[in-house]
Amino acid sequence: MPVAFRPAATADLPALLDLLAILDAAAKPPLTLAQAQQVFARIQTYPDYTVWLAEEGNALVGTYSLLVMDNLGHRGAPEGVVENVAVATDRQGHGIGRQMMHHAMEQCRVRGCYKLVLSSNVVREDAHRFYEGLGFVRHGYSFRVDL
């Protein structure tokens, strides 16, 4: 079943936080609604940063965030960065993640991005196979420092 996509609104935050809990199961304590409202207000000030919702009817079934950032390299072509990809547990395996990533790719194409990138925890092998099945290729290394 095709899903509909729309940008998240402040009113969506309670349901969105529930969905993102899939990713943040180890985070303690979770983000409160008041904290989420502050972060979301800041996100909305970015020029091309969107928290996308995937819906079936009135049900929120998935989300991802897309930042399209300007670039001085690569002849000024922007780059897309996907984060916080989550599909409702009871809807996983139904093609929603695939539709979300195709939506993200299309958003980047129409903005002239030269690439779309994401990172995935090294232990999430099922996710790696999923992304590779969509045409993503492993490229370079991802590094992080916990602050």
C-alpha atoms as a PDB file:
ATOM      1  CA  MET A   1       0.000   0.000   0.000  1.00  0.00           C
ATOM      2  CA  PRO A   2       1.494   3.361  -0.960  1.00  0.00           C
ATOM      3  CA  VAL A   3       2.102   5.750   1.881  1.00  0.00           C
ATOM      4  CA  ALA A   4       1.594   9.508   1.846  1.00  0.00           C
ATOM      5  CA  PHE A   5       4.437  11.794   2.859  1.00  0.00           C
ATOM      6  CA  ARG A   6       4.232  15.130   4.588  1.00  0.00           C
ATOM      7  CA  PRO A   7       6.481  17.288   6.727  1.00  0.00           C
ATOM      8  CA  ALA A   8       5.982  16.864  10.474  1.00  0.00           C
ATOM      9  CA  ALA A   9       4.250  19.586  12.458  1.00  0.00           C
ATOM     10  CA  THR A  10       4.504  20.433  16.148  1.00  0.00           C
ATOM     11  CA  ALA A  11       1.203  18.630  16.785  1.00  0.00           C
ATOM     12  CA  ASP A  12       2.812  15.403  15.490  1.00  0.00           C
ATOM     13  CA  LEU A  13       5.544  15.369  18.138  1.00  0.00           C
ATOM     14  CA  PRO A  14       3.905  12.981  20.657  1.00  0.00           C
ATOM     15  CA  ALA A  15       3.364  10.305  17.980  1.00  0.00           C
ATOM     16  CA  LEU A  16       6.746  11.034  16.420  1.00  0.00           C
ATOM     17  CA  LEU A  17       8.523  10.589  19.761  1.00  0.00           C
ATOM     18  CA  ASP A  18       6.790   7.227  20.193  1.00  0.00           C
ATOM     19  CA  LEU A  19       8.008   6.143  16.767  1.00  0.00           C
ATOM     20  CA  LEU A  20      11.559   7.380  17.328  1.00  0.00           C
ATOM     21  CA  ALA A  21      11.692   5.387  20.579  1.00  0.00           C
ATOM     22  CA  ILE A  22      12.444   2.422  18.284  1.00  0.00           C
ATOM     23  CA  LEU A  23      15.821   4.033  17.574  1.00  0.00           C
ATOM     24  CA  ASP A  24      16.466   5.382  21.043  1.00  0.00           C
ATOM     25  CA  ALA A  25      15.634   2.339  23.156  1.00  0.00           C
ATOM     26  CA  ALA A  26      18.918   2.737  25.045  1.00  0.00           C
ATOM     27  CA  ALA A  27      18.583   6.516  25.498  1.00  0.00           C
ATOM     28  CA  LYS A  28      17.910   7.437  29.093  1.00  0.00           C
ATOM     29  CA  PRO A  29      15.982   9.456  29.851  1.00  0.00           C
ATOM     30  CA  PRO A  30      14.017   9.927  26.625  1.00  0.00           C
ATOM     31  CA  LEU A  31      13.374  13.374  25.209  1.00  0.00           C
ATOM     32  CA  THR A  32      10.384  15.007  26.885  1.00  0.00           C
ATOM     33  CA  LEU A  33       7.663  16.624  24.816  1.00  0.00           C
ATOM     34  CA  ALA A  34       8.788  20.078  25.979  1.00  0.00           C
ATOM     35  CA  GLN A  35      12.378  19.321  24.944  1.00  0.00           C
ATOM     36  CA  ALA A  36      11.198  17.936  21.607  1.00  0.00           C
ATOM     37  CA  GLN A  37       9.199  21.102  20.972  1.00  0.00           C
ATOM     38  CA  GLN A  38      12.322  23.214  21.525  1.00  0.00           C
ATOM     39  CA  VAL A  39      14.453  21.034  19.244  1.00  0.00           C
ATOM     40  CA  PHE A  40      11.746  20.916  16.582  1.00  0.00           C
ATOM     41  CA  ALA A  41      11.410  24.718  16.630  1.00  0.00           C
ATOM     42  CA  ARG A  42      15.151  24.973  16.015  1.00  0.00           C
ATOM     43  CA  ILE A  43      15.025  22.401  13.192  1.00  0.00           C
ATOM     44  CA  GLN A  44      12.393  24.539  11.494  1.00  0.00           C
ATOM     45  CA  THR A  45      14.870  27.440  11.310  1.00  0.00           C
ATOM     46  CA  TYR A  46      17.252  25.445   9.090  1.00  0.00           C
ATOM     47  CA  PRO A  47      16.874  26.341   5.415  1.00  0.00           C
ATOM     48  CA  ASP A  48      16.317  22.803   4.071  1.00  0.00           C
ATOM     49  CA  TYR A  49      15.905  20.378   6.967  1.00  0.00           C
ATOM     50  CA  THR A  50      12.665  18.416   7.054  1.00  0.00           C
ATOM     51  CA  VAL A  51      11.331  15.757   9.371  1.00  0.00           C
ATOM     52  CA  TRP A  52       9.184  13.655   7.034  1.00  0.00           C
ATOM     53  CA  LEU A  53       6.248  11.514   8.111  1.00  0.00           C
ATOM     54  CA  ALA A  54       4.965   8.467   6.253  1.00  0.00           C
ATOM     55  CA  GLU A  55       1.272   7.835   6.766  1.00  0.00           C
ATOM     56  CA  GLU A  56      -1.208   5.150   5.840  1.00  0.00           C
ATOM     57  CA  GLY A  57      -4.597   6.753   6.237  1.00  0.00           C
ATOM     58  CA  ASN A  58      -4.348   8.607   9.543  1.00  0.00           C
ATOM     59  CA  ALA A  59      -1.726   6.258  10.986  1.00  0.00           C
ATOM     60  CA  LEU A  60       1.889   7.348  11.327  1.00  0.00           C
ATOM     61  CA  VAL A  61       3.879   4.380  10.018  1.00  0.00           C
ATOM     62  CA  GLY A  62       7.348   5.833   9.476  1.00  0.00           C
ATOM     63  CA  THR A  63       9.632   8.825   9.604  1.00  0.00           C
ATOM     64  CA  TYR A  64      12.968  10.066   8.419  1.00  0.00           C
ATOM     65  CA  SER A  65      14.802  13.365   8.588  1.00  0.00           C
ATOM     66  CA  LEU A  66      16.425  14.889   5.526  1.00  0.00           C
ATOM     67  CA  LEU A  67      18.938  17.693   5.540  1.00  0.00           C
ATOM     68  CA  VAL A  68      19.875  19.098   2.151  1.00  0.00           C
ATOM     69  CA  MET A  69      23.022  21.103   2.719  1.00  0.00           C
ATOM     70  CA  ASP A  70      24.757  23.558   0.504  1.00  0.00           C
ATOM     71  CA  ASN A  71      28.258  22.720  -0.590  1.00  0.00           C
ATOM     72  CA  LEU A  72      31.262  24.688  -1.781  1.00  0.00           C
ATOM     73  CA  GLY A  73      32.834  21.506  -3.168  1.00  0.00           C
ATOM     74  CA  HIS A  74      31.496  19.394  -6.024  1.00  0.00           C
ATOM     75  CA  ARG A  75      30.812  22.483  -8.131  1.00  0.00           C
ATOM     76  CA  GLY A  76      28.317  23.759  -5.574  1.00  0.00           C
ATOM     77  CA  ALA A  77      26.017  20.739  -5.850  1.00  0.00           C
ATOM     78  CA  PRO A  78      24.182  20.150  -2.563  1.00  0.00           C
ATOM     79  CA  GLU A  79      24.318  16.931  -0.577  1.00  0.00           C
ATOM     80  CA  GLY A  80      21.482  15.097   1.168  1.00  0.00           C
ATOM     81  CA  VAL A  81      21.862  13.534   4.601  1.00  0.00           C
ATOM     82  CA  VAL A  82      19.248  11.125   5.952  1.00  0.00           C
ATOM     83  CA  GLU A  83      18.899  10.495   9.683  1.00  0.00           C
ATOM     84  CA  ASN A  84      16.414   8.974  12.124  1.00  0.00           C
ATOM     85  CA  VAL A  85      14.885   6.406   9.784  1.00  0.00           C
ATOM     86  CA  ALA A  86      12.189   4.500  11.664  1.00  0.00           C
ATOM     87  CA  VAL A  87       9.242   2.342  10.657  1.00  0.00           C
ATOM     88  CA  ALA A  88       6.532   1.348  13.128  1.00  0.00           C
ATOM     89  CA  THR A  89       7.346  -2.088  14.504  1.00  0.00           C
ATOM     90  CA  ASP A  90       4.067  -3.623  13.334  1.00  0.00           C
ATOM     91  CA  ARG A  91       4.581  -2.222   9.803  1.00  0.00           C
ATOM     92  CA  GLN A  92       8.172  -3.330   9.238  1.00  0.00           C
ATOM     93  CA  GLY A  93       8.641  -5.605   6.253  1.00  0.00           C
ATOM     94  CA  HIS A  94       5.751  -4.037   4.311  1.00  0.00           C
ATOM     95  CA  GLY A  95       7.790  -1.799   1.988  1.00  0.00           C
ATOM     96  CA  ILE A  96       7.377   1.413   3.978  1.00  0.00           C
ATOM     97  CA  GLY A  97      11.114   1.902   4.506  1.00  0.00           C
ATOM     98  CA  ARG A  98      11.678   1.361   0.785  1.00  0.00           C
ATOM     99  CA  GLN A  99       9.064   3.993  -0.069  1.00  0.00           C
ATOM    100  CA  MET A 100      10.611   6.406   2.447  1.00  0.00           C
ATOM    101  CA  MET A 101      14.103   6.036   0.961  1.00  0.00           C
ATOM    102  CA  HIS A 102      12.757   6.441  -2.589  1.00  0.00           C
ATOM    103  CA  HIS A 103      11.000   9.584  -1.376  1.00  0.00           C
ATOM    104  CA  ALA A 104      14.266  10.876   0.127  1.00  0.00           C
ATOM    105  CA  MET A 105      16.132  10.133  -3.115  1.00  0.00           C
ATOM    106  CA  GLU A 106      13.526  12.010  -5.138  1.00  0.00           C
ATOM    107  CA  GLN A 107      13.671  14.989  -2.759  1.00  0.00           C
ATOM    108  CA  CYS A 108      17.428  15.089  -3.330  1.00  0.00           C
ATOM    109  CA  ARG A 109      17.155  14.684  -7.105  1.00  0.00           C
ATOM    110  CA  VAL A 110      14.799  17.645  -7.484  1.00  0.00           C
ATOM    111  CA  ARG A 111      17.175  19.767  -5.384  1.00  0.00           C
ATOM    112  CA  GLY A 112      20.156  18.838  -7.563  1.00  0.00           C
ATOM    113  CA  CYS A 113      22.034  16.869  -4.905  1.00  0.00           C
ATOM    114  CA  TYR A 114      25.077  14.997  -6.113  1.00  0.00           C
ATOM    115  CA  LYS A 115      24.654  12.333  -3.412  1.00  0.00           C
ATOM    116  CA  LEU A 116      22.510  11.141  -0.537  1.00  0.00           C
ATOM    117  CA  VAL A 117      24.284   9.723   2.487  1.00  0.00           C
ATOM    118  CA  LEU A 118      23.323   8.036   5.717  1.00  0.00           C
ATOM    119  CA  SER A 119      25.070   6.161   8.454  1.00  0.00           C
ATOM    120  CA  SER A 120      24.025   2.948  10.141  1.00  0.00           C
ATOM    121  CA  ASN A 121      25.348   1.301  13.265  1.00  0.00           C
ATOM    122  CA  VAL A 122      27.831  -1.419  12.383  1.00  0.00           C
ATOM    123  CA  VAL A 123      25.771  -4.069  14.208  1.00  0.00           C
ATOM    124  CA  ARG A 124      22.583  -3.401  12.189  1.00  0.00           C
ATOM    125  CA  GLU A 125      23.305  -5.924   9.451  1.00  0.00           C
ATOM    126  CA  ASP A 126      19.653  -6.248   8.383  1.00  0.00           C
ATOM    127  CA  ALA A 127      19.556  -2.479   7.857  1.00  0.00           C
ATOM    128  CA  HIS A 128      22.774  -2.655   5.823  1.00  0.00           C
ATOM    129  CA  ARG A 129      21.261  -5.266   3.510  1.00  0.00           C
ATOM    130  CA  PHE A 130      18.137  -3.118   3.209  1.00  0.00           C
ATOM    131  CA  TYR A 131      20.115  -0.020   2.182  1.00  0.00           C
ATOM    132  CA  GLU A 132      22.322  -1.978  -0.203  1.00  0.00           C
ATOM    133  CA  GLY A 133      19.174  -3.401  -1.813  1.00  0.00           C
ATOM    134  CA  LEU A 134      18.126   0.180  -2.543  1.00  0.00           C
ATOM    135  CA  GLY A 135      21.396   0.939  -4.321  1.00  0.00           C
ATOM    136  CA  PHE A 136      23.341   2.485  -1.447  1.00  0.00           C
ATOM    137  CA  VAL A 137      26.976   1.395  -1.444  1.00  0.00           C
ATOM    138  CA  ARG A 138      29.387   1.237   1.440  1.00  0.00           C
ATOM    139  CA  HIS A 139      31.769   4.115   0.990  1.00  0.00           C
ATOM    140  CA  GLY A 140      34.638   5.084   3.210  1.00  0.00           C
ATOM    141  CA  TYR A 141      34.403   4.986   6.966  1.00  0.00           C
ATOM    142  CA  SER A 142      32.114   6.658   9.412  1.00  0.00           C
ATOM    143  CA  PHE A 143      33.759   8.137  12.477  1.00  0.00           C
ATOM    144  CA  ARG A 144      32.284   9.539  15.644  1.00  0.00           C
ATOM    145  CA  VAL A 145      33.347  10.891  18.972  1.00  0.00           C
ATOM    146  CA  ASP A 146      30.983  10.867  21.923  1.00  0.00           C
ATOM    147  CA  LEU A 147      30.921  14.278  23.564  1.00  0.00           C
END
